[in-house]
Amino acid sequence: MTRKDDLTVELPGVPKRRGRPSTGNALTAAERQARRREKLAAEGKVSSTVVISREVQQALADFVEFKDVSLGDVVDRILRGYLLRKR
């Protein structure tokens, strides 16, 4: 149940603004992405984009759901086991 505001007076000619007020400190998309890359680099990680078959993607999605881990962790674990194993 909401109460009607009887104390606030609307200014004539000024439309009522909706939503959270702006702080003026918002980052651009490029700034947010740069911060994300810095954070990943600090963790010793990089971002990589690959193209895979739908069959492999579905198998990855099923495995991620079954194990309840992130996709990045699964791919890292698989590649680590395949590429960094002792020969």
PDB file of N, CA and C in Angstrom:
ATOM      1  N   MET A   1       0.847  -1.175   0.000  1.00  0.00           N
ATOM      2  CA  MET A   1       0.000   0.000   0.000  1.00  0.00           C
ATOM      3  C   MET A   1       0.887   1.230   0.000  1.00  0.00           C
ATOM      4  N   THR A   2       0.679   2.142  -0.917  1.00  0.00           N
ATOM      5  CA  THR A   2       1.482   3.355  -0.999  1.00  0.00           C
ATOM      6  C   THR A   2       0.701   4.530  -0.450  1.00  0.00           C
ATOM      7  N   ARG A   3       1.437   5.463   0.103  1.00  0.00           N
ATOM      8  CA  ARG A   3       0.812   6.670   0.624  1.00  0.00           C
ATOM      9  C   ARG A   3       0.992   7.782  -0.391  1.00  0.00           C
ATOM     10  N   LYS A   4       0.002   8.603  -0.516  1.00  0.00           N
ATOM     11  CA  LYS A   4       0.089   9.733  -1.427  1.00  0.00           C
ATOM     12  C   LYS A   4       0.943  10.815  -0.762  1.00  0.00           C
ATOM     13  N   ASP A   5       1.846  11.404  -1.536  1.00  0.00           N
ATOM     14  CA  ASP A   5       2.718  12.465  -1.020  1.00  0.00           C
ATOM     15  C   ASP A   5       1.965  13.788  -1.066  1.00  0.00           C
ATOM     16  N   ASP A   6       1.557  14.302   0.097  1.00  0.00           N
ATOM     17  CA  ASP A   6       0.815  15.560   0.175  1.00  0.00           C
ATOM     18  C   ASP A   6       1.722  16.752   0.431  1.00  0.00           C
ATOM     19  N   LEU A   7       3.020  16.525   0.621  1.00  0.00           N
ATOM     20  CA  LEU A   7       3.921  17.616   0.999  1.00  0.00           C
ATOM     21  C   LEU A   7       4.747  18.160  -0.157  1.00  0.00           C
ATOM     22  N   THR A   8       5.040  17.336  -1.162  1.00  0.00           N
ATOM     23  CA  THR A   8       5.887  17.754  -2.272  1.00  0.00           C
ATOM     24  C   THR A   8       5.071  18.514  -3.301  1.00  0.00           C
ATOM     25  N   VAL A   9       5.614  19.661  -3.714  1.00  0.00           N
ATOM     26  CA  VAL A   9       4.946  20.484  -4.717  1.00  0.00           C
ATOM     27  C   VAL A   9       5.680  20.308  -6.038  1.00  0.00           C
ATOM     28  N   GLU A  10       4.942  20.038  -7.091  1.00  0.00           N
ATOM     29  CA  GLU A  10       5.533  19.887  -8.421  1.00  0.00           C
ATOM     30  C   GLU A  10       5.802  21.260  -9.011  1.00  0.00           C
ATOM     31  N   LEU A  11       6.973  21.421  -9.627  1.00  0.00           N
ATOM     32  CA  LEU A  11       7.287  22.670 -10.302  1.00  0.00           C
ATOM     33  C   LEU A  11       6.596  22.683 -11.654  1.00  0.00           C
ATOM     34  N   PRO A  12       5.943  23.770 -12.005  1.00  0.00           N
ATOM     35  CA  PRO A  12       5.259  23.825 -13.303  1.00  0.00           C
ATOM     36  C   PRO A  12       6.266  23.822 -14.448  1.00  0.00           C
ATOM     37  N   GLY A  13       5.985  23.050 -15.477  1.00  0.00           N
ATOM     38  CA  GLY A  13       6.840  23.000 -16.660  1.00  0.00           C
ATOM     39  C   GLY A  13       8.034  22.064 -16.536  1.00  0.00           C
ATOM     40  N   VAL A  14       8.241  21.461 -15.378  1.00  0.00           N
ATOM     41  CA  VAL A  14       9.352  20.539 -15.182  1.00  0.00           C
ATOM     42  C   VAL A  14       8.772  19.128 -15.063  1.00  0.00           C
ATOM     43  N   PRO A  15       9.110  18.267 -16.010  1.00  0.00           N
ATOM     44  CA  PRO A  15       8.555  16.919 -15.946  1.00  0.00           C
ATOM     45  C   PRO A  15       9.125  16.150 -14.749  1.00  0.00           C
ATOM     46  N   LYS A  16       8.336  15.277 -14.188  1.00  0.00           N
ATOM     47  CA  LYS A  16       8.757  14.455 -13.066  1.00  0.00           C
ATOM     48  C   LYS A  16       9.735  13.402 -13.575  1.00  0.00           C
ATOM     49  N   ARG A  17      10.906  13.315 -12.960  1.00  0.00           N
ATOM     50  CA  ARG A  17      11.924  12.353 -13.384  1.00  0.00           C
ATOM     51  C   ARG A  17      11.724  11.047 -12.651  1.00  0.00           C
ATOM     52  N   ARG A  18      11.893   9.956 -13.387  1.00  0.00           N
ATOM     53  CA  ARG A  18      11.721   8.636 -12.810  1.00  0.00           C
ATOM     54  C   ARG A  18      13.071   7.988 -12.572  1.00  0.00           C
ATOM     55  N   GLY A  19      13.104   7.047 -11.658  1.00  0.00           N
ATOM     56  CA  GLY A  19      14.292   6.232 -11.455  1.00  0.00           C
ATOM     57  C   GLY A  19      15.287   6.842 -10.489  1.00  0.00           C
ATOM     58  N   ARG A  20      16.397   6.165 -10.386  1.00  0.00           N
ATOM     59  CA  ARG A  20      17.452   6.568  -9.462  1.00  0.00           C
ATOM     60  C   ARG A  20      18.164   7.804 -10.010  1.00  0.00           C
ATOM     61  N   PRO A  21      18.432   8.799  -9.153  1.00  0.00           N
ATOM     62  CA  PRO A  21      19.113  10.002  -9.632  1.00  0.00           C
ATOM     63  C   PRO A  21      20.555   9.704 -10.061  1.00  0.00           C
ATOM     64  N   SER A  22      21.024  10.418 -11.051  1.00  0.00           N
ATOM     65  CA  SER A  22      22.379  10.246 -11.554  1.00  0.00           C
ATOM     66  C   SER A  22      23.376  10.863 -10.586  1.00  0.00           C
ATOM     67  N   THR A  23      24.512  10.172 -10.400  1.00  0.00           N
ATOM     68  CA  THR A  23      25.571  10.706  -9.537  1.00  0.00           C
ATOM     69  C   THR A  23      26.575  11.517 -10.348  1.00  0.00           C
ATOM     70  N   GLY A  24      26.589  11.305 -11.661  1.00  0.00           N
ATOM     71  CA  GLY A  24      27.555  11.985 -12.511  1.00  0.00           C
ATOM     72  C   GLY A  24      28.899  11.290 -12.557  1.00  0.00           C
ATOM     73  N   ASN A  25      29.014  10.125 -11.909  1.00  0.00           N
ATOM     74  CA  ASN A  25      30.286   9.404 -11.854  1.00  0.00           C
ATOM     75  C   ASN A  25      30.271   8.118 -12.673  1.00  0.00           C
ATOM     76  N   ALA A  26      29.327   7.973 -13.575  1.00  0.00           N
ATOM     77  CA  ALA A  26      29.204   6.741 -14.353  1.00  0.00           C
ATOM     78  C   ALA A  26      30.410   6.556 -15.270  1.00  0.00           C
ATOM     79  N   LEU A  27      30.841   5.297 -15.399  1.00  0.00           N
ATOM     80  CA  LEU A  27      31.949   4.970 -16.282  1.00  0.00           C
ATOM     81  C   LEU A  27      31.418   4.664 -17.674  1.00  0.00           C
ATOM     82  N   THR A  28      32.234   4.938 -18.671  1.00  0.00           N
ATOM     83  CA  THR A  28      31.861   4.550 -20.035  1.00  0.00           C
ATOM     84  C   THR A  28      32.059   3.046 -20.161  1.00  0.00           C
ATOM     85  N   ALA A  29      31.493   2.467 -21.210  1.00  0.00           N
ATOM     86  CA  ALA A  29      31.649   1.035 -21.446  1.00  0.00           C
ATOM     87  C   ALA A  29      33.130   0.679 -21.606  1.00  0.00           C
ATOM     88  N   ALA A  30      33.902   1.536 -22.269  1.00  0.00           N
ATOM     89  CA  ALA A  30      35.327   1.279 -22.471  1.00  0.00           C
ATOM     90  C   ALA A  30      36.075   1.289 -21.133  1.00  0.00           C
ATOM     91  N   GLU A  31      35.703   2.194 -20.237  1.00  0.00           N
ATOM     92  CA  GLU A  31      36.340   2.250 -18.921  1.00  0.00           C
ATOM     93  C   GLU A  31      36.004   1.008 -18.089  1.00  0.00           C
ATOM     94  N   ARG A  32      34.755   0.567 -18.151  1.00  0.00           N
ATOM     95  CA  ARG A  32      34.365  -0.646 -17.411  1.00  0.00           C
ATOM     96  C   ARG A  32      35.122  -1.863 -17.943  1.00  0.00           C
ATOM     97  N   GLN A  33      35.248  -1.956 -19.272  1.00  0.00           N
ATOM     98  CA  GLN A  33      35.954  -3.087 -19.876  1.00  0.00           C
ATOM     99  C   GLN A  33      37.436  -3.048 -19.519  1.00  0.00           C
ATOM    100  N   ALA A  34      38.037  -1.870 -19.500  1.00  0.00           N
ATOM    101  CA  ALA A  34      39.452  -1.741 -19.139  1.00  0.00           C
ATOM    102  C   ALA A  34      39.665  -2.197 -17.700  1.00  0.00           C
ATOM    103  N   ARG A  35      38.761  -1.826 -16.799  1.00  0.00           N
ATOM    104  CA  ARG A  35      38.861  -2.279 -15.406  1.00  0.00           C
ATOM    105  C   ARG A  35      38.731  -3.789 -15.314  1.00  0.00           C
ATOM    106  N   ARG A  36      37.832  -4.353 -16.106  1.00  0.00           N
ATOM    107  CA  ARG A  36      37.647  -5.808 -16.100  1.00  0.00           C
ATOM    108  C   ARG A  36      38.919  -6.508 -16.568  1.00  0.00           C
ATOM    109  N   ARG A  37      39.525  -5.990 -17.624  1.00  0.00           N
ATOM    110  CA  ARG A  37      40.767  -6.593 -18.132  1.00  0.00           C
ATOM    111  C   ARG A  37      41.895  -6.480 -17.117  1.00  0.00           C
ATOM    112  N   GLU A  38      41.981  -5.350 -16.426  1.00  0.00           N
ATOM    113  CA  GLU A  38      42.997  -5.171 -15.382  1.00  0.00           C
ATOM    114  C   GLU A  38      42.794  -6.186 -14.256  1.00  0.00           C
ATOM    115  N   LYS A  39      41.549  -6.380 -13.858  1.00  0.00           N
ATOM    116  CA  LYS A  39      41.240  -7.337 -12.800  1.00  0.00           C
ATOM    117  C   LYS A  39      41.617  -8.754 -13.226  1.00  0.00           C
ATOM    118  N   LEU A  40      41.264  -9.136 -14.470  1.00  0.00           N
ATOM    119  CA  LEU A  40      41.623 -10.457 -14.971  1.00  0.00           C
ATOM    120  C   LEU A  40      43.137 -10.628 -15.021  1.00  0.00           C
ATOM    121  N   ALA A  41      43.850  -9.605 -15.472  1.00  0.00           N
ATOM    122  CA  ALA A  41      45.313  -9.679 -15.553  1.00  0.00           C
ATOM    123  C   ALA A  41      45.913  -9.847 -14.167  1.00  0.00           C
ATOM    124  N   ALA A  42      45.361  -9.163 -13.174  1.00  0.00           N
ATOM    125  CA  ALA A  42      45.847  -9.288 -11.805  1.00  0.00           C
ATOM    126  C   ALA A  42      45.642 -10.705 -11.276  1.00  0.00           C
ATOM    127  N   GLU A  43      44.621 -11.395 -11.765  1.00  0.00           N
ATOM    128  CA  GLU A  43      44.344 -12.773 -11.374  1.00  0.00           C
ATOM    129  C   GLU A  43      45.106 -13.776 -12.242  1.00  0.00           C
ATOM    130  N   GLY A  44      45.896 -13.271 -13.198  1.00  0.00           N
ATOM    131  CA  GLY A  44      46.656 -14.151 -14.083  1.00  0.00           C
ATOM    132  C   GLY A  44      45.809 -14.777 -15.166  1.00  0.00           C
ATOM    133  N   LYS A  45      44.736 -14.103 -15.559  1.00  0.00           N
ATOM    134  CA  LYS A  45      43.821 -14.642 -16.559  1.00  0.00           C
ATOM    135  C   LYS A  45      43.731 -13.706 -17.764  1.00  0.00           C
ATOM    136  N   VAL A  46      43.281 -14.256 -18.882  1.00  0.00           N
ATOM    137  CA  VAL A  46      43.012 -13.478 -20.083  1.00  0.00           C
ATOM    138  C   VAL A  46      41.671 -13.920 -20.646  1.00  0.00           C
ATOM    139  N   SER A  47      41.096 -13.107 -21.485  1.00  0.00           N
ATOM    140  CA  SER A  47      39.841 -13.440 -22.145  1.00  0.00           C
ATOM    141  C   SER A  47      40.145 -13.892 -23.563  1.00  0.00           C
ATOM    142  N   SER A  48      39.452 -14.940 -24.008  1.00  0.00           N
ATOM    143  CA  SER A  48      39.673 -15.467 -25.341  1.00  0.00           C
ATOM    144  C   SER A  48      38.327 -15.843 -25.952  1.00  0.00           C
ATOM    145  N   THR A  49      38.162 -15.555 -27.221  1.00  0.00           N
ATOM    146  CA  THR A  49      36.939 -15.902 -27.934  1.00  0.00           C
ATOM    147  C   THR A  49      37.250 -17.002 -28.934  1.00  0.00           C
ATOM    148  N   VAL A  50      36.447 -18.052 -28.911  1.00  0.00           N
ATOM    149  CA  VAL A  50      36.647 -19.164 -29.833  1.00  0.00           C
ATOM    150  C   VAL A  50      35.314 -19.540 -30.460  1.00  0.00           C
ATOM    151  N   VAL A  51      35.374 -20.232 -31.575  1.00  0.00           N
ATOM    152  CA  VAL A  51      34.184 -20.743 -32.240  1.00  0.00           C
ATOM    153  C   VAL A  51      34.213 -22.260 -32.094  1.00  0.00           C
ATOM    154  N   ILE A  52      33.118 -22.817 -31.558  1.00  0.00           N
ATOM    155  CA  ILE A  52      33.034 -24.259 -31.348  1.00  0.00           C
ATOM    156  C   ILE A  52      31.720 -24.773 -31.943  1.00  0.00           C
ATOM    157  N   SER A  53      31.651 -26.073 -32.132  1.00  0.00           N
ATOM    158  CA  SER A  53      30.426 -26.659 -32.691  1.00  0.00           C
ATOM    159  C   SER A  53      29.302 -26.609 -31.652  1.00  0.00           C
ATOM    160  N   ARG A  54      28.075 -26.669 -32.130  1.00  0.00           N
ATOM    161  CA  ARG A  54      26.911 -26.674 -31.226  1.00  0.00           C
ATOM    162  C   ARG A  54      26.937 -27.894 -30.312  1.00  0.00           C
ATOM    163  N   GLU A  55      27.390 -29.002 -30.850  1.00  0.00           N
ATOM    164  CA  GLU A  55      27.453 -30.240 -30.077  1.00  0.00           C
ATOM    165  C   GLU A  55      28.387 -30.084 -28.876  1.00  0.00           C
ATOM    166  N   VAL A  56      29.556 -29.508 -29.113  1.00  0.00           N
ATOM    167  CA  VAL A  56      30.519 -29.281 -28.031  1.00  0.00           C
ATOM    168  C   VAL A  56      29.975 -28.253 -27.050  1.00  0.00           C
ATOM    169  N   GLN A  57      29.335 -27.207 -27.555  1.00  0.00           N
ATOM    170  CA  GLN A  57      28.775 -26.176 -26.683  1.00  0.00           C
ATOM    171  C   GLN A  57      27.713 -26.767 -25.772  1.00  0.00           C
ATOM    172  N   GLN A  58      26.867 -27.628 -26.313  1.00  0.00           N
ATOM    173  CA  GLN A  58      25.817 -28.253 -25.500  1.00  0.00           C
ATOM    174  C   GLN A  58      26.434 -29.164 -24.451  1.00  0.00           C
ATOM    175  N   ALA A  59      27.468 -29.909 -24.831  1.00  0.00           N
ATOM    176  CA  ALA A  59      28.137 -30.792 -23.870  1.00  0.00           C
ATOM    177  C   ALA A  59      28.774 -29.971 -22.746  1.00  0.00           C
ATOM    178  N   LEU A  60      29.379 -28.838 -23.108  1.00  0.00           N
ATOM    179  CA  LEU A  60      29.959 -27.951 -22.092  1.00  0.00           C
ATOM    180  C   LEU A  60      28.876 -27.407 -21.165  1.00  0.00           C
ATOM    181  N   ALA A  61      27.764 -26.966 -21.740  1.00  0.00           N
ATOM    182  CA  ALA A  61      26.676 -26.410 -20.936  1.00  0.00           C
ATOM    183  C   ALA A  61      26.121 -27.468 -19.985  1.00  0.00           C
ATOM    184  N   ASP A  62      25.966 -28.701 -20.461  1.00  0.00           N
ATOM    185  CA  ASP A  62      25.482 -29.783 -19.608  1.00  0.00           C
ATOM    186  C   ASP A  62      26.458 -30.071 -18.471  1.00  0.00           C
ATOM    187  N   PHE A  63      27.745 -30.079 -18.789  1.00  0.00           N
ATOM    188  CA  PHE A  63      28.771 -30.352 -17.778  1.00  0.00           C
ATOM    189  C   PHE A  63      28.801 -29.248 -16.730  1.00  0.00           C
ATOM    190  N   VAL A  64      28.716 -27.982 -17.175  1.00  0.00           N
ATOM    191  CA  VAL A  64      28.716 -26.836 -16.256  1.00  0.00           C
ATOM    192  C   VAL A  64      27.524 -26.936 -15.309  1.00  0.00           C
ATOM    193  N   GLU A  65      26.363 -27.271 -15.846  1.00  0.00           N
ATOM    194  CA  GLU A  65      25.169 -27.382 -15.011  1.00  0.00           C
ATOM    195  C   GLU A  65      25.288 -28.545 -14.034  1.00  0.00           C
ATOM    196  N   PHE A  66      25.817 -29.673 -14.501  1.00  0.00           N
ATOM    197  CA  PHE A  66      25.953 -30.858 -13.656  1.00  0.00           C
ATOM    198  C   PHE A  66      26.935 -30.626 -12.514  1.00  0.00           C
ATOM    199  N   LYS A  67      28.075 -30.016 -12.814  1.00  0.00           N
ATOM    200  CA  LYS A  67      29.123 -29.796 -11.812  1.00  0.00           C
ATOM    201  C   LYS A  67      28.930 -28.520 -11.008  1.00  0.00           C
ATOM    202  N   ASP A  68      28.045 -27.628 -11.465  1.00  0.00           N
ATOM    203  CA  ASP A  68      27.786 -26.352 -10.794  1.00  0.00           C
ATOM    204  C   ASP A  68      29.064 -25.520 -10.640  1.00  0.00           C
ATOM    205  N   VAL A  69      29.770 -25.361 -11.764  1.00  0.00           N
ATOM    206  CA  VAL A  69      30.976 -24.532 -11.816  1.00  0.00           C
ATOM    207  C   VAL A  69      30.842 -23.584 -13.004  1.00  0.00           C
ATOM    208  N   SER A  70      31.761 -22.643 -13.120  1.00  0.00           N
ATOM    209  CA  SER A  70      31.682 -21.692 -14.226  1.00  0.00           C
ATOM    210  C   SER A  70      32.232 -22.312 -15.512  1.00  0.00           C
ATOM    211  N   LEU A  71      31.794 -21.776 -16.621  1.00  0.00           N
ATOM    212  CA  LEU A  71      32.267 -22.257 -17.924  1.00  0.00           C
ATOM    213  C   LEU A  71      33.775 -22.055 -18.052  1.00  0.00           C
ATOM    214  N   GLY A  72      34.258 -20.917 -17.596  1.00  0.00           N
ATOM    215  CA  GLY A  72      35.693 -20.645 -17.660  1.00  0.00           C
ATOM    216  C   GLY A  72      36.504 -21.673 -16.890  1.00  0.00           C
ATOM    217  N   ASP A  73      36.007 -22.066 -15.717  1.00  0.00           N
ATOM    218  CA  ASP A  73      36.711 -23.073 -14.915  1.00  0.00           C
ATOM    219  C   ASP A  73      36.743 -24.419 -15.630  1.00  0.00           C
ATOM    220  N   VAL A  74      35.654 -24.776 -16.280  1.00  0.00           N
ATOM    221  CA  VAL A  74      35.591 -26.051 -16.996  1.00  0.00           C
ATOM    222  C   VAL A  74      36.565 -26.050 -18.171  1.00  0.00           C
ATOM    223  N   VAL A  75      36.527 -24.998 -18.974  1.00  0.00           N
ATOM    224  CA  VAL A  75      37.422 -24.931 -20.132  1.00  0.00           C
ATOM    225  C   VAL A  75      38.878 -24.916 -19.675  1.00  0.00           C
ATOM    226  N   ASP A  76      39.177 -24.165 -18.634  1.00  0.00           N
ATOM    227  CA  ASP A  76      40.543 -24.108 -18.104  1.00  0.00           C
ATOM    228  C   ASP A  76      40.995 -25.498 -17.658  1.00  0.00           C
ATOM    229  N   ARG A  77      40.121 -26.216 -16.960  1.00  0.00           N
ATOM    230  CA  ARG A  77      40.463 -27.551 -16.467  1.00  0.00           C
ATOM    231  C   ARG A  77      40.700 -28.540 -17.608  1.00  0.00           C
ATOM    232  N   ILE A  78      39.839 -28.490 -18.612  1.00  0.00           N
ATOM    233  CA  ILE A  78      39.980 -29.407 -19.756  1.00  0.00           C
ATOM    234  C   ILE A  78      41.271 -29.116 -20.516  1.00  0.00           C
ATOM    235  N   LEU A  79      41.509 -27.848 -20.843  1.00  0.00           N
ATOM    236  CA  LEU A  79      42.709 -27.501 -21.608  1.00  0.00           C
ATOM    237  C   LEU A  79      43.981 -27.737 -20.800  1.00  0.00           C
ATOM    238  N   ARG A  80      43.914 -27.478 -19.510  1.00  0.00           N
ATOM    239  CA  ARG A  80      45.063 -27.711 -18.636  1.00  0.00           C
ATOM    240  C   ARG A  80      45.430 -29.212 -18.657  1.00  0.00           C
ATOM    241  N   GLY A  81      44.418 -30.055 -18.551  1.00  0.00           N
ATOM    242  CA  GLY A  81      44.654 -31.496 -18.570  1.00  0.00           C
ATOM    243  C   GLY A  81      45.179 -31.990 -19.908  1.00  0.00           C
ATOM    244  N   TYR A  82      44.738 -31.369 -20.978  1.00  0.00           N
ATOM    245  CA  TYR A  82      45.153 -31.814 -22.314  1.00  0.00           C
ATOM    246  C   TYR A  82      46.491 -31.208 -22.737  1.00  0.00           C
ATOM    247  N   LEU A  83      46.677 -29.912 -22.499  1.00  0.00           N
ATOM    248  CA  LEU A  83      47.862 -29.226 -22.997  1.00  0.00           C
ATOM    249  C   LEU A  83      49.058 -29.253 -22.042  1.00  0.00           C
ATOM    250  N   LEU A  84      48.803 -29.303 -20.769  1.00  0.00           N
ATOM    251  CA  LEU A  84      49.897 -29.186 -19.794  1.00  0.00           C
ATOM    252  C   LEU A  84      50.244 -30.515 -19.103  1.00  0.00           C
ATOM    253  N   ARG A  85      49.716 -31.603 -19.593  1.00  0.00           N
ATOM    254  CA  ARG A  85      50.019 -32.895 -18.979  1.00  0.00           C
ATOM    255  C   ARG A  85      51.468 -33.283 -19.304  1.00  0.00           C
ATOM    256  N   LYS A  86      52.024 -34.118 -18.437  1.00  0.00           N
ATOM    257  CA  LYS A  86      53.410 -34.574 -18.663  1.00  0.00           C
ATOM    258  C   LYS A  86      53.418 -35.595 -19.784  1.00  0.00           C
ATOM    259  N   ARG A  87      54.390 -35.478 -20.628  1.00  0.00           N
ATOM    260  CA  ARG A  87      54.466 -36.366 -21.790  1.00  0.00           C
ATOM    261  C   ARG A  87      55.638 -37.279 -21.698  1.00  0.00           C
TER     262      ARG A  87
END
